[in-house]
Amino acid sequence: MAASKSGSRKAVAKKAAKTRKSRATAKKAAKTRKARAAGKKAAATRKKRSAASKAVVTRATNPALQEIDARIAIIRNNLRDLVEQAAAFSGASNEELMSDRIAEQEAKLELLKKQREQLS
């Protein structure tokens, strides 16, 4: 009987060693994934900001066009944020409120686009 106990203890010890190793590896992999995701998100944010600022700077020299372009960039950023928030929240009241806000921003965007076309 003693032999069978020691045999099972060896198997348990072997399994525990494997588990410990895999847990450490899993923790390291999770940490790496989180760091990569954070880096990608930061890079995407930088790209969006630089693209928006370049779009505003490189547009026509007409001050009215520049103002409209700046407002369009702001509304596009607002829309992007609203869509992200809508994806994060759930619930009928939240979804209705978010869809109303998104529709409002889209209407403003269309109006500004028409104004810009008229000026150019």
N, C-alpha and C. Protein backbone atom coordinates (compact mmCIF):
# COMPACT_ATOMS: atom_id res chain seq x y z
N MET A 1 0.82 -1.18 0.00
CA MET A 1 0.00 0.00 0.00
C MET A 1 0.87 1.25 0.00
N ALA A 2 1.98 1.23 0.73
CA ALA A 2 2.87 2.38 0.80
C ALA A 2 3.47 2.68 -0.56
N ALA A 3 3.73 1.64 -1.34
CA ALA A 3 4.33 1.84 -2.66
C ALA A 3 3.36 2.58 -3.57
N SER A 4 2.10 2.23 -3.48
CA SER A 4 1.13 2.89 -4.36
C SER A 4 0.95 4.37 -3.99
N LYS A 5 1.06 4.67 -2.70
CA LYS A 5 0.93 6.07 -2.29
C LYS A 5 2.10 6.89 -2.83
N SER A 6 3.32 6.35 -2.71
CA SER A 6 4.48 7.11 -3.18
C SER A 6 4.41 7.26 -4.71
N GLY A 7 3.88 6.25 -5.38
CA GLY A 7 3.74 6.34 -6.84
C GLY A 7 2.77 7.44 -7.22
N SER A 8 1.68 7.54 -6.50
CA SER A 8 0.71 8.60 -6.82
C SER A 8 1.25 9.97 -6.45
N ARG A 9 2.07 10.01 -5.41
CA ARG A 9 2.68 11.28 -5.02
C ARG A 9 3.62 11.78 -6.11
N LYS A 10 4.33 10.87 -6.72
CA LYS A 10 5.23 11.27 -7.80
C LYS A 10 4.44 11.86 -8.96
N ALA A 11 3.33 11.20 -9.29
CA ALA A 11 2.50 11.69 -10.39
C ALA A 11 1.93 13.07 -10.06
N VAL A 12 1.51 13.22 -8.83
CA VAL A 12 0.98 14.51 -8.41
C VAL A 12 2.06 15.58 -8.45
N ALA A 13 3.27 15.23 -7.99
CA ALA A 13 4.38 16.18 -8.00
C ALA A 13 4.74 16.57 -9.43
N LYS A 14 4.73 15.60 -10.34
CA LYS A 14 5.03 15.87 -11.74
C LYS A 14 3.99 16.81 -12.34
N LYS A 15 2.73 16.50 -12.04
CA LYS A 15 1.64 17.33 -12.56
C LYS A 15 1.72 18.76 -12.00
N ALA A 16 2.05 18.88 -10.73
CA ALA A 16 2.16 20.20 -10.11
C ALA A 16 3.29 21.00 -10.75
N ALA A 17 4.39 20.33 -11.05
CA ALA A 17 5.51 21.03 -11.68
C ALA A 17 5.10 21.55 -13.06
N LYS A 18 4.38 20.74 -13.81
CA LYS A 18 3.91 21.17 -15.13
C LYS A 18 2.94 22.35 -14.99
N THR A 19 2.06 22.25 -14.03
CA THR A 19 1.06 23.30 -13.82
C THR A 19 1.73 24.62 -13.46
N ARG A 20 2.70 24.55 -12.56
CA ARG A 20 3.40 25.77 -12.17
C ARG A 20 4.08 26.41 -13.36
N LYS A 21 4.70 25.60 -14.16
CA LYS A 21 5.39 26.13 -15.33
C LYS A 21 4.39 26.77 -16.29
N SER A 22 3.28 26.10 -16.53
CA SER A 22 2.32 26.64 -17.48
C SER A 22 1.64 27.89 -16.94
N ARG A 23 1.44 27.98 -15.65
CA ARG A 23 0.85 29.19 -15.08
C ARG A 23 1.78 30.38 -15.27
N ALA A 24 3.06 30.16 -15.00
CA ALA A 24 4.02 31.25 -15.17
C ALA A 24 4.08 31.67 -16.64
N THR A 25 4.07 30.69 -17.51
CA THR A 25 4.10 30.99 -18.94
C THR A 25 2.83 31.72 -19.36
N ALA A 26 1.70 31.29 -18.83
CA ALA A 26 0.43 31.94 -19.17
C ALA A 26 0.40 33.38 -18.67
N LYS A 27 0.92 33.60 -17.46
CA LYS A 27 0.97 34.96 -16.92
C LYS A 27 1.83 35.86 -17.80
N LYS A 28 2.99 35.33 -18.20
CA LYS A 28 3.89 36.11 -19.03
C LYS A 28 3.25 36.42 -20.38
N ALA A 29 2.58 35.43 -20.96
CA ALA A 29 1.92 35.63 -22.25
C ALA A 29 0.80 36.65 -22.13
N ALA A 30 0.03 36.57 -21.05
CA ALA A 30 -1.06 37.53 -20.85
C ALA A 30 -0.51 38.94 -20.69
N LYS A 31 0.57 39.06 -19.96
CA LYS A 31 1.19 40.37 -19.76
C LYS A 31 1.68 40.93 -21.09
N THR A 32 2.28 40.06 -21.90
CA THR A 32 2.77 40.49 -23.21
C THR A 32 1.62 40.91 -24.10
N ARG A 33 0.52 40.16 -24.08
CA ARG A 33 -0.64 40.51 -24.90
C ARG A 33 -1.21 41.86 -24.48
N LYS A 34 -1.29 42.09 -23.18
CA LYS A 34 -1.82 43.36 -22.70
C LYS A 34 -0.92 44.51 -23.13
N ALA A 35 0.39 44.32 -23.03
CA ALA A 35 1.32 45.38 -23.41
C ALA A 35 1.21 45.68 -24.91
N ARG A 36 1.11 44.63 -25.72
CA ARG A 36 0.97 44.82 -27.16
C ARG A 36 -0.32 45.55 -27.49
N ALA A 37 -1.41 45.14 -26.85
CA ALA A 37 -2.70 45.78 -27.10
C ALA A 37 -2.66 47.26 -26.72
N ALA A 38 -2.05 47.55 -25.59
CA ALA A 38 -1.94 48.95 -25.16
C ALA A 38 -1.09 49.75 -26.14
N GLY A 39 -0.01 49.15 -26.61
CA GLY A 39 0.85 49.82 -27.58
C GLY A 39 0.12 50.09 -28.89
N LYS A 40 -0.63 49.11 -29.36
CA LYS A 40 -1.38 49.28 -30.61
C LYS A 40 -2.44 50.37 -30.46
N LYS A 41 -3.12 50.37 -29.31
CA LYS A 41 -4.16 51.37 -29.07
C LYS A 41 -3.55 52.77 -29.04
N ALA A 42 -2.41 52.91 -28.38
CA ALA A 42 -1.75 54.21 -28.30
C ALA A 42 -1.30 54.67 -29.69
N ALA A 43 -0.78 53.74 -30.48
CA ALA A 43 -0.34 54.09 -31.83
C ALA A 43 -1.52 54.52 -32.70
N ALA A 44 -2.63 53.82 -32.56
CA ALA A 44 -3.82 54.16 -33.34
C ALA A 44 -4.33 55.55 -32.95
N THR A 45 -4.30 55.84 -31.67
CA THR A 45 -4.74 57.16 -31.20
C THR A 45 -3.83 58.25 -31.76
N ARG A 46 -2.52 58.01 -31.74
CA ARG A 46 -1.58 58.99 -32.28
C ARG A 46 -1.82 59.22 -33.77
N LYS A 47 -2.09 58.13 -34.50
CA LYS A 47 -2.35 58.26 -35.93
C LYS A 47 -3.60 59.09 -36.18
N LYS A 48 -4.65 58.82 -35.41
CA LYS A 48 -5.90 59.56 -35.59
C LYS A 48 -5.70 61.04 -35.33
N ARG A 49 -4.99 61.33 -34.26
CA ARG A 49 -4.77 62.74 -33.90
C ARG A 49 -3.93 63.45 -34.95
N SER A 50 -2.86 62.79 -35.41
CA SER A 50 -2.00 63.43 -36.40
C SER A 50 -2.72 63.58 -37.73
N ALA A 51 -3.54 62.59 -38.10
CA ALA A 51 -4.29 62.69 -39.35
C ALA A 51 -5.30 63.83 -39.28
N ALA A 52 -5.96 63.97 -38.15
CA ALA A 52 -6.94 65.05 -37.99
C ALA A 52 -6.26 66.40 -38.04
N SER A 53 -5.12 66.54 -37.38
CA SER A 53 -4.44 67.83 -37.38
C SER A 53 -3.86 68.14 -38.75
N LYS A 54 -3.35 67.11 -39.46
CA LYS A 54 -2.84 67.34 -40.81
C LYS A 54 -3.96 67.76 -41.74
N ALA A 55 -5.11 67.12 -41.61
CA ALA A 55 -6.24 67.47 -42.46
C ALA A 55 -6.64 68.92 -42.26
N VAL A 56 -6.61 69.38 -41.05
CA VAL A 56 -6.98 70.76 -40.76
C VAL A 56 -5.91 71.71 -41.27
N VAL A 57 -4.65 71.37 -41.13
CA VAL A 57 -3.56 72.26 -41.51
C VAL A 57 -3.41 72.33 -43.03
N THR A 58 -3.57 71.21 -43.74
CA THR A 58 -3.29 71.18 -45.16
C THR A 58 -4.47 71.58 -46.03
N ARG A 59 -5.61 71.90 -45.47
CA ARG A 59 -6.77 72.30 -46.26
C ARG A 59 -6.55 73.69 -46.86
N ALA A 60 -7.53 74.15 -47.57
CA ALA A 60 -7.47 75.44 -48.24
C ALA A 60 -7.18 76.56 -47.23
N THR A 61 -6.68 77.66 -47.76
CA THR A 61 -6.31 78.77 -46.89
C THR A 61 -7.50 79.64 -46.50
N ASN A 62 -8.65 79.39 -47.05
CA ASN A 62 -9.85 80.15 -46.71
C ASN A 62 -10.19 79.92 -45.24
N PRO A 63 -10.27 80.97 -44.43
CA PRO A 63 -10.54 80.80 -43.00
C PRO A 63 -11.88 80.12 -42.72
N ALA A 64 -12.88 80.40 -43.54
CA ALA A 64 -14.18 79.76 -43.33
C ALA A 64 -14.09 78.25 -43.56
N LEU A 65 -13.34 77.87 -44.61
CA LEU A 65 -13.15 76.43 -44.87
C LEU A 65 -12.36 75.77 -43.75
N GLN A 66 -11.36 76.47 -43.26
CA GLN A 66 -10.56 75.91 -42.17
C GLN A 66 -11.42 75.69 -40.92
N GLU A 67 -12.28 76.64 -40.63
CA GLU A 67 -13.16 76.50 -39.46
C GLU A 67 -14.11 75.32 -39.63
N ILE A 68 -14.69 75.20 -40.82
CA ILE A 68 -15.61 74.09 -41.08
C ILE A 68 -14.87 72.76 -41.00
N ASP A 69 -13.65 72.71 -41.57
CA ASP A 69 -12.87 71.48 -41.50
C ASP A 69 -12.53 71.11 -40.06
N ALA A 70 -12.23 72.10 -39.25
CA ALA A 70 -11.93 71.83 -37.83
C ALA A 70 -13.18 71.29 -37.13
N ARG A 71 -14.33 71.87 -37.42
CA ARG A 71 -15.58 71.40 -36.80
C ARG A 71 -15.91 70.00 -37.27
N ILE A 72 -15.65 69.70 -38.56
CA ILE A 72 -15.89 68.36 -39.08
C ILE A 72 -15.00 67.34 -38.36
N ALA A 73 -13.73 67.70 -38.17
CA ALA A 73 -12.81 66.80 -37.45
C ALA A 73 -13.30 66.54 -36.03
N ILE A 74 -13.79 67.57 -35.38
CA ILE A 74 -14.29 67.41 -34.00
C ILE A 74 -15.50 66.49 -33.98
N ILE A 75 -16.42 66.69 -34.92
CA ILE A 75 -17.62 65.86 -34.96
C ILE A 75 -17.27 64.41 -35.29
N ARG A 76 -16.30 64.21 -36.17
CA ARG A 76 -15.89 62.83 -36.49
C ARG A 76 -15.30 62.15 -35.25
N ASN A 77 -14.51 62.89 -34.49
CA ASN A 77 -13.97 62.34 -33.24
C ASN A 77 -15.10 62.03 -32.26
N ASN A 78 -16.07 62.92 -32.18
CA ASN A 78 -17.23 62.67 -31.30
C ASN A 78 -17.97 61.41 -31.72
N LEU A 79 -18.17 61.26 -33.03
CA LEU A 79 -18.85 60.06 -33.53
C LEU A 79 -18.08 58.79 -33.19
N ARG A 80 -16.77 58.85 -33.37
CA ARG A 80 -15.93 57.69 -33.05
C ARG A 80 -16.07 57.32 -31.57
N ASP A 81 -16.03 58.34 -30.71
CA ASP A 81 -16.16 58.10 -29.27
C ASP A 81 -17.54 57.53 -28.93
N LEU A 82 -18.58 58.07 -29.56
CA LEU A 82 -19.94 57.59 -29.29
C LEU A 82 -20.13 56.15 -29.71
N VAL A 83 -19.55 55.79 -30.85
CA VAL A 83 -19.66 54.41 -31.31
C VAL A 83 -18.95 53.47 -30.34
N GLU A 84 -17.77 53.88 -29.85
CA GLU A 84 -17.05 53.06 -28.87
C GLU A 84 -17.85 52.92 -27.58
N GLN A 85 -18.47 54.01 -27.14
CA GLN A 85 -19.28 53.96 -25.92
C GLN A 85 -20.50 53.07 -26.12
N ALA A 86 -21.11 53.16 -27.29
CA ALA A 86 -22.30 52.34 -27.56
C ALA A 86 -21.94 50.86 -27.55
N ALA A 87 -20.76 50.54 -28.03
CA ALA A 87 -20.33 49.14 -28.02
C ALA A 87 -20.06 48.65 -26.60
N ALA A 88 -19.64 49.56 -25.73
CA ALA A 88 -19.29 49.17 -24.36
C ALA A 88 -20.52 49.02 -23.48
N PHE A 89 -21.54 49.82 -23.70
CA PHE A 89 -22.73 49.79 -22.85
C PHE A 89 -23.78 48.86 -23.43
N SER A 90 -24.63 48.37 -22.56
CA SER A 90 -25.78 47.59 -23.02
C SER A 90 -27.00 48.01 -22.22
N GLY A 91 -28.16 47.71 -22.75
CA GLY A 91 -29.40 48.09 -22.10
C GLY A 91 -30.22 48.94 -23.04
N ALA A 92 -31.52 48.79 -22.98
CA ALA A 92 -32.40 49.46 -23.93
C ALA A 92 -32.32 50.98 -23.82
N SER A 93 -32.32 51.49 -22.60
CA SER A 93 -32.30 52.95 -22.44
C SER A 93 -30.97 53.53 -22.92
N ASN A 94 -29.86 52.85 -22.62
CA ASN A 94 -28.55 53.32 -23.06
C ASN A 94 -28.44 53.29 -24.58
N GLU A 95 -28.92 52.21 -25.19
CA GLU A 95 -28.82 52.08 -26.63
C GLU A 95 -29.64 53.15 -27.34
N GLU A 96 -30.82 53.45 -26.82
CA GLU A 96 -31.67 54.47 -27.43
C GLU A 96 -31.00 55.85 -27.33
N LEU A 97 -30.47 56.15 -26.16
CA LEU A 97 -29.80 57.43 -25.95
C LEU A 97 -28.58 57.56 -26.87
N MET A 98 -27.79 56.51 -26.96
CA MET A 98 -26.59 56.55 -27.79
C MET A 98 -26.96 56.68 -29.27
N SER A 99 -27.97 55.97 -29.71
CA SER A 99 -28.36 56.07 -31.12
C SER A 99 -28.88 57.47 -31.44
N ASP A 100 -29.57 58.10 -30.50
CA ASP A 100 -30.03 59.47 -30.70
C ASP A 100 -28.85 60.43 -30.81
N ARG A 101 -27.87 60.25 -29.94
CA ARG A 101 -26.70 61.12 -29.96
C ARG A 101 -25.89 60.92 -31.24
N ILE A 102 -25.76 59.67 -31.69
CA ILE A 102 -25.03 59.38 -32.92
C ILE A 102 -25.76 60.00 -34.11
N ALA A 103 -27.08 59.87 -34.15
CA ALA A 103 -27.86 60.44 -35.25
C ALA A 103 -27.71 61.97 -35.27
N GLU A 104 -27.70 62.59 -34.11
CA GLU A 104 -27.54 64.04 -34.03
C GLU A 104 -26.18 64.47 -34.59
N GLN A 105 -25.13 63.75 -34.19
CA GLN A 105 -23.78 64.09 -34.67
C GLN A 105 -23.66 63.86 -36.18
N GLU A 106 -24.29 62.79 -36.70
CA GLU A 106 -24.25 62.52 -38.13
C GLU A 106 -24.97 63.62 -38.91
N ALA A 107 -26.07 64.12 -38.38
CA ALA A 107 -26.80 65.21 -39.03
C ALA A 107 -25.93 66.47 -39.08
N LYS A 108 -25.24 66.77 -37.98
CA LYS A 108 -24.36 67.93 -37.95
C LYS A 108 -23.23 67.78 -38.97
N LEU A 109 -22.71 66.56 -39.06
CA LEU A 109 -21.62 66.29 -40.00
C LEU A 109 -22.08 66.52 -41.44
N GLU A 110 -23.24 66.03 -41.78
CA GLU A 110 -23.77 66.22 -43.14
C GLU A 110 -23.98 67.70 -43.45
N LEU A 111 -24.49 68.45 -42.48
CA LEU A 111 -24.71 69.88 -42.67
C LEU A 111 -23.38 70.60 -42.92
N LEU A 112 -22.36 70.25 -42.14
CA LEU A 112 -21.05 70.88 -42.32
C LEU A 112 -20.43 70.51 -43.67
N LYS A 113 -20.62 69.28 -44.10
CA LYS A 113 -20.11 68.87 -45.41
C LYS A 113 -20.75 69.67 -46.52
N LYS A 114 -22.07 69.90 -46.42
CA LYS A 114 -22.76 70.69 -47.43
C LYS A 114 -22.27 72.13 -47.43
N GLN A 115 -22.03 72.69 -46.24
CA GLN A 115 -21.51 74.06 -46.14
C GLN A 115 -20.13 74.15 -46.78
N ARG A 116 -19.31 73.14 -46.55
CA ARG A 116 -17.95 73.14 -47.11
C ARG A 116 -18.01 73.06 -48.64
N GLU A 117 -18.90 72.21 -49.17
CA GLU A 117 -19.04 72.11 -50.62
C GLU A 117 -19.46 73.43 -51.23
N GLN A 118 -20.35 74.15 -50.55
CA GLN A 118 -20.82 75.44 -51.07
C GLN A 118 -19.70 76.48 -51.09
N LEU A 119 -18.82 76.42 -50.10
CA LEU A 119 -17.73 77.39 -50.03
C LEU A 119 -16.60 77.07 -51.01
N SER A 120 -16.44 75.82 -51.35
CA SER A 120 -15.32 75.49 -52.24
C SER A 120 -15.73 75.37 -53.68
